[in-house]
C-alpha atoms as a PDB file:
ATOM      1  CA  MET A   1      86.243 224.513 126.685  1.00  0.00           C
ATOM      2  CA  ILE A   2      83.367 225.433 124.704  1.00  0.00           C
ATOM      3  CA  ARG A   3      83.766 225.209 120.831  1.00  0.00           C
ATOM      4  CA  LEU A   4      82.335 227.757 118.645  1.00  0.00           C
ATOM      5  CA  ALA A   5      81.338 224.601 116.488  1.00  0.00           C
ATOM      6  CA  HIS A   6      78.909 223.619 119.019  1.00  0.00           C
ATOM      7  CA  ILE A   7      77.632 226.999 119.318  1.00  0.00           C
ATOM      8  CA  VAL A   8      76.837 227.287 115.524  1.00  0.00           C
ATOM      9  CA  ASP A   9      75.558 224.065 115.501  1.00  0.00           C
ATOM     10  CA  THR A  10      73.165 224.334 118.102  1.00  0.00           C
ATOM     11  CA  HIS A  11      72.029 228.056 117.429  1.00  0.00           C
ATOM     12  CA  ALA A  12      72.447 228.386 113.416  1.00  0.00           C
ATOM     13  CA  ALA A  13      69.444 227.306 112.641  1.00  0.00           C
ATOM     14  CA  GLU A  14      67.200 230.045 114.718  1.00  0.00           C
ATOM     15  CA  LEU A  15      69.652 232.362 113.561  1.00  0.00           C
ATOM     16  CA  ILE A  16      68.938 231.617 109.967  1.00  0.00           C
ATOM     17  CA  ALA A  17      65.069 231.448 110.573  1.00  0.00           C
ATOM     18  CA  GLN A  18      65.265 234.763 111.992  1.00  0.00           C
ATOM     19  CA  ASP A  19      68.008 236.466 110.087  1.00  0.00           C
ATOM     20  CA  GLY A  20      68.483 234.323 107.012  1.00  0.00           C
ATOM     21  CA  HIS A  21      67.326 237.319 104.661  1.00  0.00           C
ATOM     22  CA  ARG A  22      70.267 239.539 106.271  1.00  0.00           C
ATOM     23  CA  LEU A  23      72.829 237.535 106.013  1.00  0.00           C
ATOM     24  CA  LEU A  24      75.667 238.101 103.440  1.00  0.00           C
ATOM     25  CA  PRO A  25      77.232 234.964 101.408  1.00  0.00           C
ATOM     26  CA  GLY A  26      80.309 235.496 103.314  1.00  0.00           C
ATOM     27  CA  GLN A  27      78.240 235.171 106.968  1.00  0.00           C
ATOM     28  CA  LEU A  28      76.722 232.071 105.850  1.00  0.00           C
ATOM     29  CA  ALA A  29      79.945 230.538 104.198  1.00  0.00           C
ATOM     30  CA  ALA A  30      81.914 231.311 107.693  1.00  0.00           C
ATOM     31  CA  LEU A  31      78.905 229.728 109.516  1.00  0.00           C
ATOM     32  CA  LYS A  32      79.437 226.784 107.437  1.00  0.00           C
ATOM     33  CA  SER A  33      83.138 226.534 107.773  1.00  0.00           C
ATOM     34  CA  PHE A  34      82.996 226.864 111.861  1.00  0.00           C
ATOM     35  CA  GLN A  35      80.679 224.304 112.183  1.00  0.00           C
ATOM     36  CA  ILE A  36      82.548 221.512 110.678  1.00  0.00           C
ATOM     37  CA  CYS A  37      86.006 222.836 111.791  1.00  0.00           C
ATOM     38  CA  ARG A  38      87.965 219.633 113.025  1.00  0.00           C
ATOM     39  CA  SER A  39      84.801 217.579 113.566  1.00  0.00           C
ATOM     40  CA  SER A  40      83.959 214.627 112.459  1.00  0.00           C
ATOM     41  CA  MET A  41      82.614 216.239 109.395  1.00  0.00           C
ATOM     42  CA  SER A  42      85.672 217.963 108.483  1.00  0.00           C
ATOM     43  CA  PRO A  43      88.337 216.140 105.788  1.00  0.00           C
ATOM     44  CA  LYS A  44      90.703 214.093 107.640  1.00  0.00           C
ATOM     45  CA  MET A  45      94.683 214.050 107.212  1.00  0.00           C
ATOM     46  CA  GLN A  46      96.381 210.341 107.416  1.00  0.00           C
ATOM     47  CA  LEU A  47      99.793 210.720 109.634  1.00  0.00           C
ATOM     48  CA  GLY A  48     102.522 207.922 109.706  1.00  0.00           C
ATOM     49  CA  CYS A  49     105.393 207.587 112.234  1.00  0.00           C
ATOM     50  CA  ASP A  50     108.559 206.498 110.658  1.00  0.00           C
ATOM     51  CA  ASN A  51     109.634 204.956 113.911  1.00  0.00           C
ATOM     52  CA  CYS A  52     107.065 202.863 115.142  1.00  0.00           C
ATOM     53  CA  GLN A  53     104.911 202.475 112.017  1.00  0.00           C
ATOM     54  CA  GLU A  54     101.858 204.224 113.699  1.00  0.00           C
ATOM     55  CA  GLN A  55      99.334 205.870 111.857  1.00  0.00           C
ATOM     56  CA  SER A  56      96.676 207.801 112.908  1.00  0.00           C
ATOM     57  CA  TYR A  57      94.148 210.467 111.220  1.00  0.00           C
ATOM     58  CA  LEU A  58      93.525 214.035 112.218  1.00  0.00           C
ATOM     59  CA  PRO A  59      90.636 216.715 111.198  1.00  0.00           C
ATOM     60  CA  HIS A  60      91.444 219.512 108.814  1.00  0.00           C
ATOM     61  CA  SER A  61      90.990 222.883 110.142  1.00  0.00           C
ATOM     62  CA  CYS A  62      88.286 224.764 107.838  1.00  0.00           C
ATOM     63  CA  GLY A  63      91.332 227.427 106.900  1.00  0.00           C
ATOM     64  CA  HIS A  64      88.880 230.092 107.400  1.00  0.00           C
ATOM     65  CA  ARG A  65      90.871 233.290 108.093  1.00  0.00           C
ATOM     66  CA  HIS A  66      87.999 234.269 111.405  1.00  0.00           C
ATOM     67  CA  GLY A  67      88.307 230.875 112.879  1.00  0.00           C
ATOM     68  CA  PRO A  68      89.031 230.562 116.467  1.00  0.00           C
ATOM     69  CA  HIS A  69      91.800 228.080 115.927  1.00  0.00           C
ATOM     70  CA  CYS A  70      92.742 227.927 112.205  1.00  0.00           C
ATOM     71  CA  GLN A  71      95.933 229.108 110.663  1.00  0.00           C
ATOM     72  CA  ALA A  72      98.077 229.364 113.628  1.00  0.00           C
ATOM     73  CA  HIS A  73     100.888 228.909 111.227  1.00  0.00           C
ATOM     74  CA  GLU A  74      99.884 231.814 108.884  1.00  0.00           C
ATOM     75  CA  SER A  75     100.114 233.963 111.890  1.00  0.00           C
ATOM     76  CA  GLN A  76     103.583 233.135 113.018  1.00  0.00           C
ATOM     77  CA  ARG A  77     104.434 233.302 109.275  1.00  0.00           C
ATOM     78  CA  TRP A  78     103.140 237.288 109.193  1.00  0.00           C
ATOM     79  CA  ILE A  79     105.047 237.574 112.662  1.00  0.00           C
ATOM     80  CA  ASP A  80     108.089 236.369 111.233  1.00  0.00           C
ATOM     81  CA  GLN A  81     108.137 238.803 108.028  1.00  0.00           C
ATOM     82  CA  GLN A  82     107.545 241.976 110.278  1.00  0.00           C
ATOM     83  CA  LEU A  83     109.919 240.931 112.732  1.00  0.00           C
ATOM     84  CA  GLN A  84     112.518 240.468 110.055  1.00  0.00           C
ATOM     85  CA  LYS A  85     112.063 244.467 108.863  1.00  0.00           C
ATOM     86  CA  LEU A  86     112.573 245.288 112.340  1.00  0.00           C
ATOM     87  CA  ILE A  87     115.183 248.695 112.407  1.00  0.00           C
ATOM     88  CA  PRO A  88     116.792 250.005 115.263  1.00  0.00           C
ATOM     89  CA  GLY A  89     114.956 252.827 117.264  1.00  0.00           C
ATOM     90  CA  ASN A  90     111.789 253.498 118.893  1.00  0.00           C
ATOM     91  CA  TYR A  91     108.677 252.605 117.901  1.00  0.00           C
ATOM     92  CA  PHE A  92     105.069 253.607 118.289  1.00  0.00           C
ATOM     93  CA  LEU A  93     101.530 251.880 118.180  1.00  0.00           C
ATOM     94  CA  VAL A  94      98.910 254.934 116.710  1.00  0.00           C
ATOM     95  CA  THR A  95      95.478 253.992 116.877  1.00  0.00           C
ATOM     96  CA  PHE A  96      93.054 255.576 114.970  1.00  0.00           C
ATOM     97  CA  THR A  97      89.178 255.558 115.872  1.00  0.00           C
ATOM     98  CA  LEU A  98      86.076 256.107 113.719  1.00  0.00           C
ATOM     99  CA  PRO A  99      83.315 257.679 116.012  1.00  0.00           C
ATOM    100  CA  ALA A 100      80.193 255.879 116.687  1.00  0.00           C
ATOM    101  CA  GLN A 101      78.420 258.048 114.715  1.00  0.00           C
ATOM    102  CA  PHE A 102      79.481 256.949 111.392  1.00  0.00           C
ATOM    103  CA  ARG A 103      79.205 252.999 112.097  1.00  0.00           C
ATOM    104  CA  THR A 104      76.332 252.421 110.573  1.00  0.00           C
ATOM    105  CA  LEU A 105      77.971 253.877 107.301  1.00  0.00           C
ATOM    106  CA  ALA A 106      81.051 251.741 107.681  1.00  0.00           C
ATOM    107  CA  TRP A 107      78.349 248.695 108.258  1.00  0.00           C
ATOM    108  CA  GLN A 108      76.609 249.413 105.243  1.00  0.00           C
ATOM    109  CA  GLN A 109      79.814 250.475 103.336  1.00  0.00           C
ATOM    110  CA  GLN A 110      82.130 247.860 104.463  1.00  0.00           C
ATOM    111  CA  ARG A 111      84.899 247.414 101.826  1.00  0.00           C
ATOM    112  CA  VAL A 112      84.752 251.250 100.714  1.00  0.00           C
ATOM    113  CA  MET A 113      84.931 252.345 104.326  1.00  0.00           C
ATOM    114  CA  TYR A 114      87.499 249.877 105.834  1.00  0.00           C
ATOM    115  CA  ASP A 115      90.067 251.019 103.058  1.00  0.00           C
ATOM    116  CA  LEU A 116      89.246 254.570 103.319  1.00  0.00           C
ATOM    117  CA  ILE A 117      89.716 254.188 107.707  1.00  0.00           C
ATOM    118  CA  THR A 118      93.420 252.502 106.223  1.00  0.00           C
ATOM    119  CA  ARG A 119      94.484 254.473 103.979  1.00  0.00           C
ATOM    120  CA  SER A 120      93.588 257.783 105.886  1.00  0.00           C
ATOM    121  CA  ALA A 121      95.536 256.851 108.976  1.00  0.00           C
ATOM    122  CA  TRP A 122      98.550 255.548 106.795  1.00  0.00           C
ATOM    123  CA  GLU A 123      97.942 259.229 105.109  1.00  0.00           C
ATOM    124  CA  THR A 124      98.165 261.281 108.023  1.00  0.00           C
ATOM    125  CA  VAL A 125     100.891 259.570 109.773  1.00  0.00           C
ATOM    126  CA  ASN A 126     102.747 259.904 106.460  1.00  0.00           C
ATOM    127  CA  THR A 127     102.231 263.602 106.486  1.00  0.00           C
ATOM    128  CA  PHE A 128     103.250 264.366 109.778  1.00  0.00           C
ATOM    129  CA  SER A 129     106.740 262.763 109.326  1.00  0.00           C
ATOM    130  CA  ARG A 130     107.105 264.732 105.927  1.00  0.00           C
ATOM    131  CA  ASN A 131     106.814 268.217 107.710  1.00  0.00           C
ATOM    132  CA  ASP A 132     108.382 266.768 111.394  1.00  0.00           C
ATOM    133  CA  ARG A 133     111.632 268.846 111.544  1.00  0.00           C
ATOM    134  CA  LYS A 134     113.523 266.164 112.430  1.00  0.00           C
ATOM    135  CA  LEU A 135     112.268 263.321 110.249  1.00  0.00           C
ATOM    136  CA  ARG A 136     111.287 265.634 106.909  1.00  0.00           C
ATOM    137  CA  GLY A 137     110.563 262.189 104.845  1.00  0.00           C
ATOM    138  CA  THR A 138     108.380 259.443 104.013  1.00  0.00           C
ATOM    139  CA  THR A 139     108.409 256.609 106.868  1.00  0.00           C
ATOM    140  CA  GLY A 140     106.703 253.516 107.234  1.00  0.00           C
ATOM    141  CA  ALA A 141     104.325 251.501 109.102  1.00  0.00           C
ATOM    142  CA  VAL A 142     102.033 248.222 109.362  1.00  0.00           C
ATOM    143  CA  THR A 143      98.308 248.870 109.744  1.00  0.00           C
ATOM    144  CA  VAL A 144      95.946 246.174 111.368  1.00  0.00           C
ATOM    145  CA  LEU A 145      92.204 246.993 110.790  1.00  0.00           C
ATOM    146  CA  HIS A 146      89.996 245.640 113.394  1.00  0.00           C
ATOM    147  CA  THR A 147      86.085 246.031 113.820  1.00  0.00           C
ATOM    148  CA  HIS A 148      85.595 244.877 117.675  1.00  0.00           C
ATOM    149  CA  ASN A 149      86.106 246.228 120.980  1.00  0.00           C
ATOM    150  CA  ARG A 150      86.565 243.327 123.499  1.00  0.00           C
ATOM    151  CA  ARG A 151      82.831 243.357 124.257  1.00  0.00           C
ATOM    152  CA  LEU A 152      82.830 242.283 120.400  1.00  0.00           C
ATOM    153  CA  ASP A 153      80.967 245.264 119.514  1.00  0.00           C
ATOM    154  CA  TYR A 154      81.128 247.042 116.500  1.00  0.00           C
ATOM    155  CA  HIS A 155      83.710 249.480 116.733  1.00  0.00           C
ATOM    156  CA  PRO A 156      86.039 250.007 113.771  1.00  0.00           C
ATOM    157  CA  HIS A 157      89.443 251.025 114.147  1.00  0.00           C
ATOM    158  CA  VAL A 158      92.950 250.674 112.930  1.00  0.00           C
ATOM    159  CA  HIS A 159      96.255 249.723 114.379  1.00  0.00           C
ATOM    160  CA  LEU A 160      99.686 251.593 113.385  1.00  0.00           C
ATOM    161  CA  VAL A 161     103.228 249.937 114.126  1.00  0.00           C
ATOM    162  CA  MET A 162     105.906 252.539 113.049  1.00  0.00           C
ATOM    163  CA  PRO A 163     109.391 253.219 113.626  1.00  0.00           C
ATOM    164  CA  SER A 164     110.276 256.872 114.418  1.00  0.00           C
ATOM    165  CA  ALA A 165     112.167 257.125 111.220  1.00  0.00           C
ATOM    166  CA  ALA A 166     111.667 258.092 107.626  1.00  0.00           C
ATOM    167  CA  PHE A 167     113.773 258.323 104.416  1.00  0.00           C
ATOM    168  CA  ASP A 168     114.267 261.721 102.623  1.00  0.00           C
ATOM    169  CA  ASN A 169     114.321 260.265  98.729  1.00  0.00           C
ATOM    170  CA  LYS A 170     115.574 263.529  97.262  1.00  0.00           C
ATOM    171  CA  ARG A 171     118.638 263.760  99.566  1.00  0.00           C
ATOM    172  CA  ARG A 172     118.848 260.278  99.824  1.00  0.00           C
ATOM    173  CA  LEU A 173     119.268 260.407 104.133  1.00  0.00           C
ATOM    174  CA  TRP A 174     118.002 258.223 106.192  1.00  0.00           C
ATOM    175  CA  ARG A 175     116.854 260.152 109.605  1.00  0.00           C
ATOM    176  CA  ASN A 176     115.840 258.937 112.763  1.00  0.00           C
ATOM    177  CA  LYS A 177     113.807 260.290 116.149  1.00  0.00           C
ATOM    178  CA  ASP A 178     115.156 260.070 119.613  1.00  0.00           C
ATOM    179  CA  GLY A 179     113.065 260.247 122.556  1.00  0.00           C
ATOM    180  CA  GLY A 180     109.574 258.878 123.379  1.00  0.00           C
ATOM    181  CA  TYR A 181     107.550 261.171 121.629  1.00  0.00           C
ATOM    182  CA  LEU A 182     106.623 261.218 118.050  1.00  0.00           C
ATOM    183  CA  PHE A 183     103.435 263.680 117.052  1.00  0.00           C
ATOM    184  CA  ASP A 184     100.656 265.163 118.850  1.00  0.00           C
ATOM    185  CA  HIS A 185      97.878 263.031 119.161  1.00  0.00           C
ATOM    186  CA  LYS A 186      94.828 266.043 119.009  1.00  0.00           C
ATOM    187  CA  ALA A 187      96.894 267.324 115.579  1.00  0.00           C
ATOM    188  CA  LEU A 188      97.032 263.691 114.299  1.00  0.00           C
ATOM    189  CA  ALA A 189      92.943 263.475 114.999  1.00  0.00           C
ATOM    190  CA  LYS A 190      91.845 266.748 113.144  1.00  0.00           C
ATOM    191  CA  VAL A 191      94.135 265.538 110.090  1.00  0.00           C
ATOM    192  CA  PHE A 192      92.573 262.343 110.151  1.00  0.00           C
ATOM    193  CA  ARG A 193      89.413 263.506 110.573  1.00  0.00           C
ATOM    194  CA  ALA A 194      89.491 265.983 107.518  1.00  0.00           C
ATOM    195  CA  LYS A 195      90.725 262.989 105.612  1.00  0.00           C
ATOM    196  CA  MET A 196      87.868 260.652 106.410  1.00  0.00           C
ATOM    197  CA  LEU A 197      85.375 263.310 105.491  1.00  0.00           C
ATOM    198  CA  ALA A 198      86.552 264.535 102.207  1.00  0.00           C
ATOM    199  CA  GLY A 199      87.171 260.645 101.632  1.00  0.00           C
ATOM    200  CA  ILE A 200      83.351 259.584 102.681  1.00  0.00           C
ATOM    201  CA  GLU A 201      82.170 262.969 100.174  1.00  0.00           C
ATOM    202  CA  GLN A 202      84.686 261.859  97.126  1.00  0.00           C
ATOM    203  CA  ALA A 203      83.162 258.313  97.614  1.00  0.00           C
ATOM    204  CA  GLY A 204      79.855 259.738  96.717  1.00  0.00           C
ATOM    205  CA  LEU A 205      78.510 258.527 100.746  1.00  0.00           C
ATOM    206  CA  LYS A 206      76.133 260.469 102.830  1.00  0.00           C
ATOM    207  CA  LEU A 207      77.862 262.001 105.995  1.00  0.00           C
ATOM    208  CA  PRO A 208      76.052 261.188 108.781  1.00  0.00           C
ATOM    209  CA  ASP A 209      73.291 264.303 109.982  1.00  0.00           C
ATOM    210  CA  ALA A 210      75.644 265.039 113.321  1.00  0.00           C
ATOM    211  CA  TYR A 211      78.980 263.915 114.493  1.00  0.00           C
ATOM    212  CA  PRO A 212      81.799 264.933 116.719  1.00  0.00           C
ATOM    213  CA  THR A 213      84.395 268.027 116.499  1.00  0.00           C
ATOM    214  CA  LYS A 214      86.731 265.876 118.043  1.00  0.00           C
ATOM    215  CA  TRP A 215      88.026 262.289 116.763  1.00  0.00           C
ATOM    216  CA  VAL A 216      89.956 260.139 118.757  1.00  0.00           C
ATOM    217  CA  VAL A 217      94.064 258.897 118.433  1.00  0.00           C
ATOM    218  CA  ASP A 218      96.130 257.341 120.539  1.00  0.00           C
ATOM    219  CA  CYS A 219      99.700 257.146 120.138  1.00  0.00           C
ATOM    220  CA  LYS A 220     102.151 255.571 122.507  1.00  0.00           C
ATOM    221  CA  ALA A 221     105.913 254.247 122.582  1.00  0.00           C
ATOM    222  CA  VAL A 222     105.830 250.452 122.283  1.00  0.00           C
ATOM    223  CA  GLY A 223     109.799 250.074 122.377  1.00  0.00           C
ATOM    224  CA  SER A 224     111.549 248.040 119.732  1.00  0.00           C
ATOM    225  CA  GLY A 225     108.273 247.429 118.312  1.00  0.00           C
ATOM    226  CA  ARG A 226     108.942 243.425 118.471  1.00  0.00           C
ATOM    227  CA  GLN A 227     105.599 242.866 121.261  1.00  0.00           C
ATOM    228  CA  ALA A 228     103.402 245.247 119.525  1.00  0.00           C
ATOM    229  CA  LEU A 229     103.593 243.212 116.303  1.00  0.00           C
ATOM    230  CA  ILE A 230     103.715 239.883 118.071  1.00  0.00           C
ATOM    231  CA  TYR A 231     100.834 240.624 120.142  1.00  0.00           C
ATOM    232  CA  LEU A 232      99.067 241.988 116.683  1.00  0.00           C
ATOM    233  CA  GLY A 233     100.065 239.182 114.788  1.00  0.00           C
ATOM    234  CA  ARG A 234      98.381 236.026 117.415  1.00  0.00           C
ATOM    235  CA  TYR A 235      94.756 237.799 116.579  1.00  0.00           C
ATOM    236  CA  LEU A 236      95.589 238.406 112.856  1.00  0.00           C
ATOM    237  CA  TYR A 237      93.902 235.074 111.613  1.00  0.00           C
ATOM    238  CA  ARG A 238      92.102 234.012 114.906  1.00  0.00           C
ATOM    239  CA  GLY A 239      88.984 235.604 114.815  1.00  0.00           C
ATOM    240  CA  VAL A 240      87.485 237.789 117.321  1.00  0.00           C
ATOM    241  CA  ILE A 241      87.361 235.413 120.220  1.00  0.00           C
ATOM    242  CA  GLN A 242      89.233 232.769 121.414  1.00  0.00           C
ATOM    243  CA  GLU A 243      87.708 229.395 122.642  1.00  0.00           C
ATOM    244  CA  LYS A 244      89.035 229.058 126.157  1.00  0.00           C
ATOM    245  CA  ASP A 245      86.919 232.393 126.649  1.00  0.00           C
ATOM    246  CA  ILE A 246      83.824 230.783 125.911  1.00  0.00           C
ATOM    247  CA  LEU A 247      82.779 229.700 129.585  1.00  0.00           C
ATOM    248  CA  SER A 248      79.513 228.365 128.955  1.00  0.00           C
ATOM    249  CA  CYS A 249      76.541 227.080 126.194  1.00  0.00           C
ATOM    250  CA  GLN A 250      73.432 226.171 128.324  1.00  0.00           C
ATOM    251  CA  GLN A 251      69.614 226.939 128.097  1.00  0.00           C
ATOM    252  CA  GLY A 252      69.856 228.968 124.726  1.00  0.00           C
ATOM    253  CA  ARG A 253      72.734 231.282 126.310  1.00  0.00           C
ATOM    254  CA  VAL A 254      76.232 232.019 125.974  1.00  0.00           C
ATOM    255  CA  THR A 255      78.551 233.703 128.380  1.00  0.00           C
ATOM    256  CA  PHE A 256      81.960 234.908 127.390  1.00  0.00           C
ATOM    257  CA  ARG A 257      84.940 236.829 129.251  1.00  0.00           C
ATOM    258  CA  TYR A 258      87.005 239.601 128.308  1.00  0.00           C
ATOM    259  CA  GLN A 259      89.233 242.070 129.875  1.00  0.00           C
ATOM    260  CA  ASN A 260      87.750 245.664 130.247  1.00  0.00           C
ATOM    261  CA  SER A 261      90.062 248.097 128.542  1.00  0.00           C
ATOM    262  CA  LEU A 262      89.715 250.908 131.299  1.00  0.00           C
ATOM    263  CA  THR A 263      89.725 248.912 134.401  1.00  0.00           C
ATOM    264  CA  LYS A 264      91.797 245.755 133.544  1.00  0.00           C
ATOM    265  CA  GLN A 265      89.321 243.622 135.109  1.00  0.00           C
ATOM    266  CA  ILE A 266      87.951 240.349 133.536  1.00  0.00           C
ATOM    267  CA  GLU A 267      84.428 240.664 132.989  1.00  0.00           C
ATOM    268  CA  THR A 268      81.936 238.233 131.579  1.00  0.00           C
ATOM    269  CA  ARG A 269      78.575 238.777 129.197  1.00  0.00           C
ATOM    270  CA  THR A 270      75.976 236.727 128.530  1.00  0.00           C
ATOM    271  CA  LEU A 271      73.916 236.887 125.401  1.00  0.00           C
ATOM    272  CA  SER A 272      71.145 234.278 123.555  1.00  0.00           C
ATOM    273  CA  GLY A 273      73.242 231.893 121.058  1.00  0.00           C
ATOM    274  CA  VAL A 274      71.732 233.514 118.444  1.00  0.00           C
ATOM    275  CA  ALA A 275      72.884 237.070 119.785  1.00  0.00           C
ATOM    276  CA  PHE A 276      76.055 235.829 120.298  1.00  0.00           C
ATOM    277  CA  LEU A 277      76.539 234.096 116.950  1.00  0.00           C
ATOM    278  CA  ARG A 278      75.207 237.986 115.151  1.00  0.00           C
ATOM    279  CA  LEU A 279      78.525 239.435 117.462  1.00  0.00           C
ATOM    280  CA  ILE A 280      80.925 236.922 115.499  1.00  0.00           C
ATOM    281  CA  LEU A 281      79.496 237.550 111.892  1.00  0.00           C
ATOM    282  CA  GLN A 282      79.253 241.492 111.790  1.00  0.00           C
ATOM    283  CA  HIS A 283      83.057 240.933 112.072  1.00  0.00           C
ATOM    284  CA  ILE A 284      83.462 239.130 108.837  1.00  0.00           C
ATOM    285  CA  LEU A 285      85.633 240.816 106.622  1.00  0.00           C
ATOM    286  CA  PRO A 286      84.410 241.361 102.991  1.00  0.00           C
ATOM    287  CA  LYS A 287      85.675 238.529 100.778  1.00  0.00           C
ATOM    288  CA  GLY A 288      89.345 239.247  99.617  1.00  0.00           C
ATOM    289  CA  PHE A 289      89.854 242.379 101.866  1.00  0.00           C
ATOM    290  CA  ARG A 290      93.039 242.235 103.800  1.00  0.00           C
ATOM    291  CA  ARG A 291      93.216 243.215 107.326  1.00  0.00           C
ATOM    292  CA  ALA A 292      96.778 243.756 107.542  1.00  0.00           C
ATOM    293  CA  ARG A 293      99.148 246.118 104.901  1.00  0.00           C
ATOM    294  CA  ASN A 294     102.532 247.570 104.998  1.00  0.00           C
ATOM    295  CA  PHE A 295     103.288 251.082 103.605  1.00  0.00           C
ATOM    296  CA  GLY A 296     105.672 253.320 103.164  1.00  0.00           C
ATOM    297  CA  PHE A 297     109.305 252.001 103.101  1.00  0.00           C
ATOM    298  CA  LEU A 298     107.861 248.788 105.098  1.00  0.00           C
ATOM    299  CA  HIS A 299     105.796 247.881 101.669  1.00  0.00           C
ATOM    300  CA  PRO A 300     106.637 244.364 100.438  1.00  0.00           C
ATOM    301  CA  ASN A 301     107.948 246.097  97.359  1.00  0.00           C
ATOM    302  CA  SER A 302     110.450 248.462  99.096  1.00  0.00           C
ATOM    303  CA  LYS A 303     114.300 247.609  98.821  1.00  0.00           C
ATOM    304  CA  LEU A 304     115.272 250.221 101.626  1.00  0.00           C
ATOM    305  CA  ILE A 305     115.250 247.802 104.775  1.00  0.00           C
ATOM    306  CA  PRO A 306     117.723 245.368 104.256  1.00  0.00           C
ATOM    307  CA  LEU A 307     119.977 248.356 103.067  1.00  0.00           C
ATOM    308  CA  VAL A 308     119.312 249.874 106.629  1.00  0.00           C
ATOM    309  CA  GLN A 309     119.852 246.506 108.407  1.00  0.00           C
ATOM    310  CA  LEU A 310     123.037 245.602 106.494  1.00  0.00           C
ATOM    311  CA  ARG A 311     124.464 249.693 107.054  1.00  0.00           C
ATOM    312  CA  LYS A 312     123.406 249.458 111.279  1.00  0.00           C
ATOM    313  CA  ARG A 313     124.285 245.731 111.443  1.00  0.00           C
ATOM    314  CA  VAL A 314     120.866 244.407 112.479  1.00  0.00           C
ATOM    315  CA  VAL A 315     121.083 240.767 113.715  1.00  0.00           C
ATOM    316  CA  LEU A 316     117.690 239.325 112.206  1.00  0.00           C
ATOM    317  CA  PRO A 317     116.025 237.015 114.687  1.00  0.00           C
ATOM    318  CA  LEU A 318     115.163 233.345 113.518  1.00  0.00           C
ATOM    319  CA  ARG A 319     112.240 232.189 111.820  1.00  0.00           C
ATOM    320  CA  GLN A 320     109.981 229.730 113.526  1.00  0.00           C
ATOM    321  CA  SER A 321     109.196 226.683 112.138  1.00  0.00           C
ATOM    322  CA  ARG A 322     106.063 224.374 111.771  1.00  0.00           C
ATOM    323  CA  PRO A 323     105.678 222.846 114.795  1.00  0.00           C
ATOM    324  CA  ALA A 324     105.776 219.110 114.174  1.00  0.00           C
ATOM    325  CA  ILE A 325     103.128 216.437 115.064  1.00  0.00           C
ATOM    326  CA  ARG A 326     104.474 213.767 117.523  1.00  0.00           C
ATOM    327  CA  CYS A 327     103.244 210.024 117.707  1.00  0.00           C
ATOM    328  CA  LYS A 328     101.272 209.322 120.863  1.00  0.00           C
ATOM    329  CA  CYS A 329     103.274 206.045 121.110  1.00  0.00           C
ATOM    330  CA  CYS A 330     106.728 206.893 120.610  1.00  0.00           C
ATOM    331  CA  GLY A 331     106.848 210.514 120.329  1.00  0.00           C
ATOM    332  CA  GLY A 332     108.506 210.715 116.792  1.00  0.00           C
ATOM    333  CA  GLU A 333     107.538 212.983 114.174  1.00  0.00           C
ATOM    334  CA  MET A 334     104.672 212.152 112.545  1.00  0.00           C
ATOM    335  CA  LYS A 335     104.671 212.696 108.735  1.00  0.00           C
ATOM    336  CA  ILE A 336     101.606 213.446 106.643  1.00  0.00           C
ATOM    337  CA  ILE A 337     100.636 210.794 103.984  1.00  0.00           C
ATOM    338  CA  ARG A 338      97.686 211.670 102.497  1.00  0.00           C
ATOM    339  CA  THR A 339      95.640 215.148 103.123  1.00  0.00           C
ATOM    340  CA  ARG A 340      91.869 215.862 102.344  1.00  0.00           C
ATOM    341  CA  ILE A 341      90.100 212.317 102.829  1.00  0.00           C
ATOM    342  CA  LYS A 342      86.552 213.176 102.703  1.00  0.00           C
ATOM    343  CA  THR A 343      83.634 211.464 104.712  1.00  0.00           C
ATOM    344  CA  PHE A 344      80.751 213.029 104.092  1.00  0.00           C
ATOM    345  CA  THR A 345      79.012 216.341 103.039  1.00  0.00           C
ATOM    346  CA  HIS A 346      77.072 218.236 105.608  1.00  0.00           C
ATOM    347  CA  ARG A 347      75.057 221.527 105.137  1.00  0.00           C
ATOM    348  CA  LEU A 348      73.777 224.005 107.858  1.00  0.00           C
ATOM    349  CA  ARG A 349      70.583 223.142 109.173  1.00  0.00           C
ATOM    350  CA  THR A 350      67.744 225.357 107.690  1.00  0.00           C
ATOM    351  CA  PRO A 351      63.780 225.616 108.973  1.00  0.00           C
ATOM    352  CA  ALA A 352      61.495 223.875 106.337  1.00  0.00           C
ATOM    353  CA  PRO A 353      59.657 226.236 104.303  1.00  0.00           C
ATOM    354  CA  ASP A 354      56.100 227.170 105.140  1.00  0.00           C
ATOM    355  CA  ARG A 355      53.942 225.312 103.685  1.00  0.00           C
ATOM    356  CA  GLU A 356      51.525 228.187 102.959  1.00  0.00           C
ATOM    357  CA  MET A 357      54.035 229.848 101.563  1.00  0.00           C
ATOM    358  CA  ALA A 358      55.230 227.089  99.718  1.00  0.00           C
ATOM    359  CA  MET A 359      51.567 226.933  98.011  1.00  0.00           C
END
């Protein structure tokens, strides 16, 4: 398996020489984190076994939310939190995609546009829920923003996992909508388009010179919603690529595999090492921006879900505990004795300054 840290260590200096003036502080910080993640340069933790007194040292992960093998426990915690909010009924996965003509604007105004995409998607489904003759109330949704497609190209879109249910606050009524149909995807696209255009103008941003009149929204049934939440949660804190999908890094080029979303076939893509790092870095979210959010009766402040679960006698799944670290000698559970044992400070290698420029 080719580690991302190896690719960064090999090609980061060339990337900084070419694009250092264009890289954002968050992207540079991500490069440094990826390079030292679980390597000899990262801080160590000391482990001890109570059974055989064996001791060992393990390198810490960098903890960066875009790292390929960091924060697995955080992903599981998020999944557990969402599964605790499941209610009986049909769930749907609704995907809102930003047209290609808006991608330059989205990249230049990431914080504004990413927030606008997420909120416009939620407001669209909630408007439909309020006007639906079977629901007639506020719904709930879990939203997850993605900025890439499977080829790792820049492709902003947001997924919503939502039950076909709503709460009428005026009449204090809970309503479910049966069947495998939620809302018309073409109608959703029209309303989403109108909300996005209005939001862009309200933010004082310039619209593209030309953009399509028909936008794309996909709405499909996902059963109980459990598998859809698990799928989204597994990739929430793991960056845009898994290291097992990086096939080679040699002669200045990197090859990775992905599944074609149309044919479902596994394909490969080969780029220069610098171009590959550019692909990875363009998906680093602005500092503090939350990729996943909950709206409506699924918002953390809502007290409605526990009441519905109690009324419908929902049996909640058990939360998964953090996997134990096992001793290599006796198989016993290792306990953490010390953390953050420093080794030495490491900085990204940057090219030497040009002498003529220095003068």
